[in-house]
Amino acid sequence: MALRIIATGGTLDKRYDEIAGTLGFAASHLPQMLAQARLTLPHELKILPLLDSLDMRDADRARVLVACRAADETAIVVTHGTDTMRETAQVLGQASLDKTIVLTGAMIPFSVANSDALFNLGFACAAAQTLPHGVYVAMNGQMFAWDSVRKNRAAGRFESA
């Protein structure tokens, strides 16, 4: 089995600019994260334009779908911003691809202390290898079907819808 990892941005890939005092994007953290995780499973990384998920539009979601369709692998992890992860999961879920697609992200950027990014990535990689074909959201040790998940912004977590 091989794994395809598709990076789309989100908090996971943001960096803190101490001069401007803002979070933004540079290069993806995924190569460093995969090295740190010591992922030995054969994998391919595709980096799409890195976006805050609040800036994602239908065309961006379509680009994620095209990348999933084009992947030779049937186990796919998509890193994504948490604010609109559910919307992208819906586009992928409604496409009914014969693949296991797991979306994940982070509440705290990988580059910031106490980030949940590395744990979530590892959890999603394991889930993509073991779950039946379908689309899922994997966050903070919990797995959700694409059509029964929501982000509880007040609690800062995902839960069943």
N, C-alpha and C. Protein backbone atom coordinates (compact mmCIF):
# COMPACT_ATOMS: atom_id res chain seq x y z
N MET A 1 0.84 -1.18 0.00
CA MET A 1 0.00 0.00 0.00
C MET A 1 0.88 1.24 0.00
N ALA A 2 0.42 2.24 -0.69
CA ALA A 2 1.09 3.54 -0.71
C ALA A 2 0.07 4.59 -0.29
N LEU A 3 0.57 5.73 0.11
CA LEU A 3 -0.27 6.80 0.63
C LEU A 3 -0.03 8.07 -0.18
N ARG A 4 -1.09 8.76 -0.53
CA ARG A 4 -0.99 10.09 -1.16
C ARG A 4 -1.36 11.11 -0.10
N ILE A 5 -0.55 12.13 0.05
CA ILE A 5 -0.83 13.22 0.98
C ILE A 5 -0.96 14.49 0.16
N ILE A 6 -2.08 15.17 0.33
CA ILE A 6 -2.37 16.39 -0.41
C ILE A 6 -2.46 17.54 0.58
N ALA A 7 -1.59 18.53 0.42
CA ALA A 7 -1.58 19.70 1.30
C ALA A 7 -2.36 20.83 0.65
N THR A 8 -3.27 21.43 1.43
CA THR A 8 -4.04 22.57 0.92
C THR A 8 -3.85 23.82 1.76
N GLY A 9 -3.11 23.72 2.86
CA GLY A 9 -2.88 24.89 3.71
C GLY A 9 -3.54 24.73 5.05
N GLY A 10 -4.23 25.79 5.49
CA GLY A 10 -4.86 25.77 6.79
C GLY A 10 -3.87 26.09 7.90
N THR A 11 -4.38 26.11 9.10
CA THR A 11 -3.55 26.46 10.27
C THR A 11 -2.33 25.56 10.38
N LEU A 12 -2.46 24.28 10.06
CA LEU A 12 -1.35 23.34 10.14
C LEU A 12 -0.11 23.89 9.44
N ASP A 13 -0.28 24.51 8.28
CA ASP A 13 0.84 24.98 7.47
C ASP A 13 1.19 26.45 7.68
N LYS A 14 0.54 27.13 8.60
CA LYS A 14 0.83 28.55 8.81
C LYS A 14 2.12 28.73 9.62
N ARG A 15 2.73 29.89 9.44
CA ARG A 15 3.95 30.28 10.16
C ARG A 15 3.69 31.63 10.80
N TYR A 16 4.29 31.82 11.95
CA TYR A 16 4.15 33.09 12.63
C TYR A 16 5.23 34.05 12.14
N ASP A 17 4.83 35.21 11.69
CA ASP A 17 5.76 36.27 11.28
C ASP A 17 5.88 37.23 12.45
N GLU A 18 7.02 37.13 13.16
CA GLU A 18 7.15 37.95 14.38
C GLU A 18 7.30 39.44 14.08
N ILE A 19 7.71 39.79 12.88
CA ILE A 19 7.82 41.20 12.52
C ILE A 19 6.42 41.80 12.33
N ALA A 20 5.60 41.11 11.54
CA ALA A 20 4.24 41.60 11.27
C ALA A 20 3.26 41.20 12.37
N GLY A 21 3.63 40.19 13.14
CA GLY A 21 2.72 39.70 14.19
C GLY A 21 1.51 38.98 13.63
N THR A 22 1.71 38.31 12.48
CA THR A 22 0.60 37.63 11.83
C THR A 22 0.98 36.19 11.48
N LEU A 23 -0.04 35.40 11.19
CA LEU A 23 0.16 34.05 10.68
C LEU A 23 -0.05 34.08 9.17
N GLY A 24 0.81 33.39 8.45
CA GLY A 24 0.68 33.34 6.99
C GLY A 24 1.35 32.09 6.46
N PHE A 25 1.47 32.04 5.14
CA PHE A 25 2.03 30.86 4.49
C PHE A 25 3.37 31.16 3.85
N ALA A 26 4.25 30.19 3.89
CA ALA A 26 5.48 30.17 3.11
C ALA A 26 5.46 28.80 2.43
N ALA A 27 6.49 28.01 2.62
CA ALA A 27 6.49 26.64 2.10
C ALA A 27 5.72 25.74 3.08
N SER A 28 5.21 24.63 2.58
CA SER A 28 4.47 23.69 3.43
C SER A 28 5.39 23.06 4.47
N HIS A 29 4.83 22.80 5.64
CA HIS A 29 5.55 22.09 6.69
C HIS A 29 5.56 20.57 6.46
N LEU A 30 4.77 20.09 5.51
CA LEU A 30 4.60 18.65 5.36
C LEU A 30 5.90 17.88 5.16
N PRO A 31 6.85 18.33 4.32
CA PRO A 31 8.10 17.56 4.21
C PRO A 31 8.80 17.39 5.56
N GLN A 32 8.86 18.45 6.36
CA GLN A 32 9.49 18.37 7.68
C GLN A 32 8.68 17.47 8.61
N MET A 33 7.37 17.58 8.57
CA MET A 33 6.52 16.76 9.43
C MET A 33 6.68 15.28 9.10
N LEU A 34 6.70 14.94 7.82
CA LEU A 34 6.82 13.54 7.42
C LEU A 34 8.19 12.98 7.82
N ALA A 35 9.22 13.81 7.72
CA ALA A 35 10.56 13.38 8.16
C ALA A 35 10.57 13.18 9.67
N GLN A 36 9.99 14.12 10.41
CA GLN A 36 9.96 14.01 11.87
C GLN A 36 9.15 12.81 12.32
N ALA A 37 8.08 12.51 11.62
CA ALA A 37 7.24 11.36 11.96
C ALA A 37 7.90 10.03 11.57
N ARG A 38 8.93 10.12 10.75
CA ARG A 38 9.65 8.94 10.27
C ARG A 38 8.72 7.98 9.55
N LEU A 39 7.86 8.54 8.72
CA LEU A 39 6.91 7.74 7.94
C LEU A 39 7.67 6.84 6.98
N THR A 40 7.54 5.53 7.17
CA THR A 40 8.24 4.57 6.32
C THR A 40 7.35 4.02 5.21
N LEU A 41 6.07 4.25 5.30
CA LEU A 41 5.13 3.82 4.26
C LEU A 41 5.44 4.58 2.98
N PRO A 42 5.50 3.90 1.84
CA PRO A 42 5.69 4.64 0.58
C PRO A 42 4.59 5.71 0.45
N HIS A 43 5.00 6.92 0.09
CA HIS A 43 4.03 8.00 0.01
C HIS A 43 4.45 9.03 -1.03
N GLU A 44 3.47 9.72 -1.54
CA GLU A 44 3.67 10.83 -2.47
C GLU A 44 3.02 12.05 -1.85
N LEU A 45 3.69 13.19 -1.93
CA LEU A 45 3.17 14.43 -1.41
C LEU A 45 2.86 15.37 -2.56
N LYS A 46 1.64 15.87 -2.58
CA LYS A 46 1.23 16.88 -3.57
C LYS A 46 0.84 18.12 -2.80
N ILE A 47 1.47 19.23 -3.14
CA ILE A 47 1.17 20.48 -2.46
C ILE A 47 0.39 21.38 -3.41
N LEU A 48 -0.87 21.61 -3.06
CA LEU A 48 -1.71 22.53 -3.81
C LEU A 48 -1.45 23.94 -3.29
N PRO A 49 -2.00 24.96 -3.92
CA PRO A 49 -1.85 26.31 -3.35
C PRO A 49 -2.31 26.33 -1.89
N LEU A 50 -1.47 26.86 -1.02
CA LEU A 50 -1.77 26.87 0.42
C LEU A 50 -2.70 28.04 0.72
N LEU A 51 -3.86 27.69 1.29
CA LEU A 51 -4.89 28.68 1.58
C LEU A 51 -5.41 28.54 2.99
N ASP A 52 -5.82 29.64 3.57
CA ASP A 52 -6.66 29.59 4.76
C ASP A 52 -7.99 29.03 4.28
N SER A 53 -8.58 28.10 5.00
CA SER A 53 -9.80 27.48 4.49
C SER A 53 -10.95 28.48 4.37
N LEU A 54 -10.91 29.57 5.11
CA LEU A 54 -11.95 30.60 4.94
C LEU A 54 -11.84 31.28 3.58
N ASP A 55 -10.68 31.17 2.93
CA ASP A 55 -10.48 31.75 1.61
C ASP A 55 -10.75 30.76 0.49
N MET A 56 -11.05 29.51 0.83
CA MET A 56 -11.32 28.49 -0.20
C MET A 56 -12.66 28.75 -0.86
N ARG A 57 -12.66 28.58 -2.16
CA ARG A 57 -13.87 28.74 -2.97
C ARG A 57 -14.18 27.41 -3.66
N ASP A 58 -15.28 27.38 -4.39
CA ASP A 58 -15.67 26.16 -5.09
C ASP A 58 -14.56 25.66 -6.02
N ALA A 59 -13.87 26.57 -6.69
CA ALA A 59 -12.79 26.18 -7.61
C ALA A 59 -11.65 25.51 -6.85
N ASP A 60 -11.38 25.96 -5.62
CA ASP A 60 -10.33 25.35 -4.80
C ASP A 60 -10.73 23.94 -4.37
N ARG A 61 -11.99 23.78 -4.00
CA ARG A 61 -12.48 22.46 -3.62
C ARG A 61 -12.47 21.51 -4.83
N ALA A 62 -12.80 22.05 -5.99
CA ALA A 62 -12.74 21.24 -7.21
C ALA A 62 -11.31 20.80 -7.49
N ARG A 63 -10.32 21.66 -7.21
CA ARG A 63 -8.92 21.30 -7.40
C ARG A 63 -8.53 20.15 -6.47
N VAL A 64 -9.04 20.15 -5.24
CA VAL A 64 -8.77 19.06 -4.31
C VAL A 64 -9.39 17.77 -4.84
N LEU A 65 -10.61 17.85 -5.34
CA LEU A 65 -11.27 16.67 -5.90
C LEU A 65 -10.49 16.12 -7.09
N VAL A 66 -10.04 16.99 -7.97
CA VAL A 66 -9.25 16.55 -9.13
C VAL A 66 -7.98 15.85 -8.66
N ALA A 67 -7.32 16.39 -7.65
CA ALA A 67 -6.09 15.77 -7.13
C ALA A 67 -6.38 14.39 -6.54
N CYS A 68 -7.51 14.25 -5.86
CA CYS A 68 -7.88 12.94 -5.30
C CYS A 68 -8.21 11.96 -6.41
N ARG A 69 -8.95 12.41 -7.40
CA ARG A 69 -9.29 11.52 -8.53
C ARG A 69 -8.04 11.07 -9.27
N ALA A 70 -7.09 11.98 -9.45
CA ALA A 70 -5.89 11.69 -10.23
C ALA A 70 -4.89 10.80 -9.49
N ALA A 71 -5.02 10.70 -8.19
CA ALA A 71 -4.07 9.91 -7.40
C ALA A 71 -4.18 8.42 -7.74
N ASP A 72 -3.05 7.80 -7.96
CA ASP A 72 -3.03 6.34 -8.18
C ASP A 72 -3.34 5.61 -6.88
N GLU A 73 -2.97 6.22 -5.76
CA GLU A 73 -3.17 5.59 -4.46
C GLU A 73 -4.66 5.61 -4.08
N THR A 74 -5.07 4.60 -3.32
CA THR A 74 -6.45 4.57 -2.82
C THR A 74 -6.55 5.04 -1.38
N ALA A 75 -5.42 5.27 -0.73
CA ALA A 75 -5.37 5.83 0.62
C ALA A 75 -4.83 7.25 0.51
N ILE A 76 -5.66 8.23 0.91
CA ILE A 76 -5.31 9.64 0.71
C ILE A 76 -5.56 10.41 2.00
N VAL A 77 -4.60 11.27 2.35
CA VAL A 77 -4.76 12.21 3.46
C VAL A 77 -4.73 13.61 2.85
N VAL A 78 -5.71 14.43 3.23
CA VAL A 78 -5.76 15.82 2.78
C VAL A 78 -5.60 16.70 4.01
N THR A 79 -4.54 17.52 4.03
CA THR A 79 -4.42 18.49 5.12
C THR A 79 -5.18 19.74 4.70
N HIS A 80 -5.92 20.30 5.65
CA HIS A 80 -6.91 21.32 5.31
C HIS A 80 -7.15 22.21 6.52
N GLY A 81 -7.54 23.42 6.29
CA GLY A 81 -7.95 24.30 7.38
C GLY A 81 -9.23 23.80 8.02
N THR A 82 -9.37 24.03 9.30
CA THR A 82 -10.49 23.45 10.04
C THR A 82 -11.81 24.19 9.83
N ASP A 83 -11.76 25.47 9.46
CA ASP A 83 -13.00 26.24 9.37
C ASP A 83 -13.95 25.75 8.29
N THR A 84 -13.42 25.28 7.16
CA THR A 84 -14.30 24.80 6.09
C THR A 84 -13.94 23.37 5.66
N MET A 85 -13.31 22.63 6.55
CA MET A 85 -12.98 21.24 6.26
C MET A 85 -14.23 20.44 5.91
N ARG A 86 -15.29 20.68 6.61
CA ARG A 86 -16.55 19.96 6.38
C ARG A 86 -17.06 20.18 4.96
N GLU A 87 -16.94 21.40 4.43
CA GLU A 87 -17.42 21.70 3.09
C GLU A 87 -16.61 20.95 2.02
N THR A 88 -15.30 20.90 2.20
CA THR A 88 -14.48 20.15 1.25
C THR A 88 -14.74 18.66 1.38
N ALA A 89 -14.91 18.18 2.60
CA ALA A 89 -15.24 16.76 2.81
C ALA A 89 -16.55 16.42 2.10
N GLN A 90 -17.49 17.32 2.11
CA GLN A 90 -18.77 17.09 1.44
C GLN A 90 -18.57 16.94 -0.08
N VAL A 91 -17.77 17.82 -0.67
CA VAL A 91 -17.50 17.72 -2.11
C VAL A 91 -16.86 16.37 -2.43
N LEU A 92 -15.90 15.96 -1.62
CA LEU A 92 -15.23 14.67 -1.85
C LEU A 92 -16.18 13.51 -1.59
N GLY A 93 -16.97 13.60 -0.53
CA GLY A 93 -17.90 12.53 -0.19
C GLY A 93 -18.96 12.32 -1.25
N GLN A 94 -19.48 13.40 -1.77
CA GLN A 94 -20.53 13.30 -2.79
C GLN A 94 -20.00 12.77 -4.12
N ALA A 95 -18.68 12.83 -4.31
CA ALA A 95 -18.07 12.31 -5.54
C ALA A 95 -18.00 10.78 -5.53
N SER A 96 -18.15 10.17 -4.37
CA SER A 96 -18.17 8.70 -4.23
C SER A 96 -16.99 8.03 -4.92
N LEU A 97 -15.79 8.50 -4.63
CA LEU A 97 -14.60 7.88 -5.19
C LEU A 97 -14.35 6.55 -4.51
N ASP A 98 -13.73 5.64 -5.22
CA ASP A 98 -13.43 4.32 -4.68
C ASP A 98 -12.08 4.36 -3.96
N LYS A 99 -12.01 5.27 -2.95
CA LYS A 99 -10.78 5.52 -2.22
C LYS A 99 -11.12 5.84 -0.78
N THR A 100 -10.14 5.75 0.09
CA THR A 100 -10.29 6.20 1.47
C THR A 100 -9.58 7.55 1.58
N ILE A 101 -10.37 8.58 1.86
CA ILE A 101 -9.85 9.94 1.93
C ILE A 101 -10.09 10.46 3.34
N VAL A 102 -9.01 10.90 4.00
CA VAL A 102 -9.11 11.39 5.36
C VAL A 102 -8.60 12.83 5.39
N LEU A 103 -9.46 13.75 5.80
CA LEU A 103 -9.08 15.14 5.96
C LEU A 103 -8.66 15.39 7.40
N THR A 104 -7.61 16.16 7.56
CA THR A 104 -7.14 16.53 8.89
C THR A 104 -6.51 17.90 8.84
N GLY A 105 -6.27 18.45 9.99
CA GLY A 105 -5.67 19.78 10.08
C GLY A 105 -5.14 19.98 11.48
N ALA A 106 -5.13 21.22 11.92
CA ALA A 106 -4.63 21.53 13.25
C ALA A 106 -5.30 22.79 13.78
N MET A 107 -5.43 22.84 15.08
CA MET A 107 -5.94 24.04 15.74
C MET A 107 -4.79 25.02 16.02
N ILE A 108 -3.56 24.47 16.10
CA ILE A 108 -2.36 25.27 16.35
C ILE A 108 -1.35 24.91 15.26
N PRO A 109 -0.71 25.90 14.61
CA PRO A 109 0.25 25.60 13.55
C PRO A 109 1.37 24.67 14.00
N PHE A 110 1.85 23.85 13.08
CA PHE A 110 2.96 22.94 13.37
C PHE A 110 4.16 23.70 13.92
N SER A 111 4.38 24.91 13.43
CA SER A 111 5.55 25.69 13.81
C SER A 111 5.45 26.33 15.19
N VAL A 112 4.33 26.15 15.88
CA VAL A 112 4.12 26.75 17.19
C VAL A 112 4.13 25.65 18.26
N ALA A 113 4.70 25.94 19.41
CA ALA A 113 4.77 24.96 20.50
C ALA A 113 3.38 24.43 20.85
N ASN A 114 3.35 23.18 21.23
CA ASN A 114 2.12 22.49 21.65
C ASN A 114 1.10 22.31 20.53
N SER A 115 1.58 22.26 19.30
CA SER A 115 0.69 22.04 18.16
C SER A 115 0.14 20.61 18.16
N ASP A 116 -1.07 20.48 17.68
CA ASP A 116 -1.69 19.18 17.49
C ASP A 116 -1.46 18.64 16.07
N ALA A 117 -0.70 19.36 15.25
CA ALA A 117 -0.54 19.03 13.83
C ALA A 117 0.09 17.66 13.60
N LEU A 118 1.20 17.36 14.25
CA LEU A 118 1.89 16.10 14.00
C LEU A 118 1.05 14.91 14.43
N PHE A 119 0.40 15.02 15.59
CA PHE A 119 -0.47 13.93 16.04
C PHE A 119 -1.61 13.72 15.04
N ASN A 120 -2.25 14.80 14.62
CA ASN A 120 -3.38 14.67 13.69
C ASN A 120 -2.94 14.06 12.36
N LEU A 121 -1.77 14.46 11.87
CA LEU A 121 -1.27 13.90 10.62
C LEU A 121 -1.02 12.40 10.77
N GLY A 122 -0.38 11.99 11.84
CA GLY A 122 -0.13 10.57 12.05
C GLY A 122 -1.41 9.76 12.19
N PHE A 123 -2.35 10.32 12.92
CA PHE A 123 -3.66 9.67 13.10
C PHE A 123 -4.36 9.51 11.76
N ALA A 124 -4.32 10.55 10.93
CA ALA A 124 -4.96 10.49 9.62
C ALA A 124 -4.27 9.49 8.70
N CYS A 125 -2.94 9.42 8.75
CA CYS A 125 -2.21 8.44 7.93
C CYS A 125 -2.60 7.01 8.30
N ALA A 126 -2.72 6.75 9.59
CA ALA A 126 -3.14 5.41 10.03
C ALA A 126 -4.57 5.12 9.59
N ALA A 127 -5.44 6.11 9.75
CA ALA A 127 -6.84 5.92 9.38
C ALA A 127 -7.01 5.65 7.89
N ALA A 128 -6.25 6.37 7.06
CA ALA A 128 -6.37 6.19 5.62
C ALA A 128 -5.98 4.79 5.18
N GLN A 129 -5.14 4.13 5.96
CA GLN A 129 -4.72 2.77 5.64
C GLN A 129 -5.69 1.71 6.13
N THR A 130 -6.52 2.04 7.10
CA THR A 130 -7.31 1.01 7.76
C THR A 130 -8.83 1.13 7.57
N LEU A 131 -9.32 2.31 7.26
CA LEU A 131 -10.76 2.49 7.11
C LEU A 131 -11.24 2.02 5.74
N PRO A 132 -12.51 1.62 5.64
CA PRO A 132 -13.05 1.28 4.32
C PRO A 132 -13.14 2.53 3.44
N HIS A 133 -13.29 2.33 2.15
CA HIS A 133 -13.40 3.46 1.24
C HIS A 133 -14.52 4.40 1.69
N GLY A 134 -14.24 5.68 1.60
CA GLY A 134 -15.17 6.71 2.02
C GLY A 134 -14.38 7.96 2.36
N VAL A 135 -15.06 8.97 2.86
CA VAL A 135 -14.43 10.23 3.22
C VAL A 135 -14.67 10.49 4.70
N TYR A 136 -13.58 10.86 5.38
CA TYR A 136 -13.61 11.02 6.83
C TYR A 136 -12.88 12.30 7.24
N VAL A 137 -13.18 12.75 8.45
CA VAL A 137 -12.45 13.83 9.10
C VAL A 137 -11.81 13.24 10.35
N ALA A 138 -10.49 13.43 10.48
CA ALA A 138 -9.74 12.92 11.63
C ALA A 138 -9.12 14.09 12.36
N MET A 139 -9.60 14.31 13.57
CA MET A 139 -9.09 15.43 14.37
C MET A 139 -8.99 15.02 15.83
N ASN A 140 -7.82 15.23 16.41
CA ASN A 140 -7.59 15.09 17.84
C ASN A 140 -8.06 13.75 18.40
N GLY A 141 -7.72 12.69 17.67
CA GLY A 141 -8.00 11.34 18.14
C GLY A 141 -9.40 10.84 17.87
N GLN A 142 -10.19 11.60 17.13
CA GLN A 142 -11.54 11.15 16.79
C GLN A 142 -11.71 11.10 15.28
N MET A 143 -12.52 10.14 14.85
CA MET A 143 -12.80 9.94 13.44
C MET A 143 -14.28 10.19 13.20
N PHE A 144 -14.58 10.93 12.13
CA PHE A 144 -15.97 11.26 11.80
C PHE A 144 -16.22 10.99 10.32
N ALA A 145 -17.39 10.49 10.00
CA ALA A 145 -17.81 10.40 8.59
C ALA A 145 -18.05 11.81 8.09
N TRP A 146 -17.78 12.04 6.82
CA TRP A 146 -17.87 13.39 6.24
C TRP A 146 -19.23 14.03 6.42
N ASP A 147 -20.28 13.23 6.46
CA ASP A 147 -21.64 13.78 6.51
C ASP A 147 -22.22 13.84 7.92
N SER A 148 -21.37 13.60 8.92
CA SER A 148 -21.88 13.68 10.29
C SER A 148 -20.83 14.31 11.22
N VAL A 149 -20.28 15.43 10.79
CA VAL A 149 -19.27 16.12 11.58
C VAL A 149 -19.51 17.62 11.51
N ARG A 150 -19.12 18.28 12.58
CA ARG A 150 -19.15 19.75 12.58
C ARG A 150 -18.05 20.24 13.50
N LYS A 151 -17.63 21.47 13.25
CA LYS A 151 -16.64 22.09 14.11
C LYS A 151 -17.38 22.91 15.15
N ASN A 152 -17.12 22.61 16.41
CA ASN A 152 -17.68 23.39 17.51
C ASN A 152 -16.67 24.49 17.80
N ARG A 153 -16.92 25.67 17.24
CA ARG A 153 -15.97 26.77 17.37
C ARG A 153 -15.80 27.21 18.82
N ALA A 154 -16.86 27.20 19.58
CA ALA A 154 -16.80 27.64 20.98
C ALA A 154 -15.90 26.71 21.81
N ALA A 155 -15.98 25.41 21.53
CA ALA A 155 -15.18 24.44 22.29
C ALA A 155 -13.81 24.19 21.63
N GLY A 156 -13.65 24.63 20.37
CA GLY A 156 -12.39 24.42 19.66
C GLY A 156 -12.13 22.97 19.34
N ARG A 157 -13.19 22.26 18.91
CA ARG A 157 -13.02 20.85 18.58
C ARG A 157 -14.07 20.41 17.56
N PHE A 158 -13.85 19.23 17.01
CA PHE A 158 -14.82 18.63 16.09
C PHE A 158 -15.68 17.66 16.89
N GLU A 159 -16.93 17.51 16.42
CA GLU A 159 -17.84 16.59 17.09
C GLU A 159 -18.85 16.06 16.07
N SER A 160 -19.56 15.02 16.46
CA SER A 160 -20.59 14.47 15.58
C SER A 160 -21.71 15.45 15.38
N ALA A 161 -22.19 15.51 14.17
CA ALA A 161 -23.29 16.44 13.84
C ALA A 161 -24.63 15.79 14.07
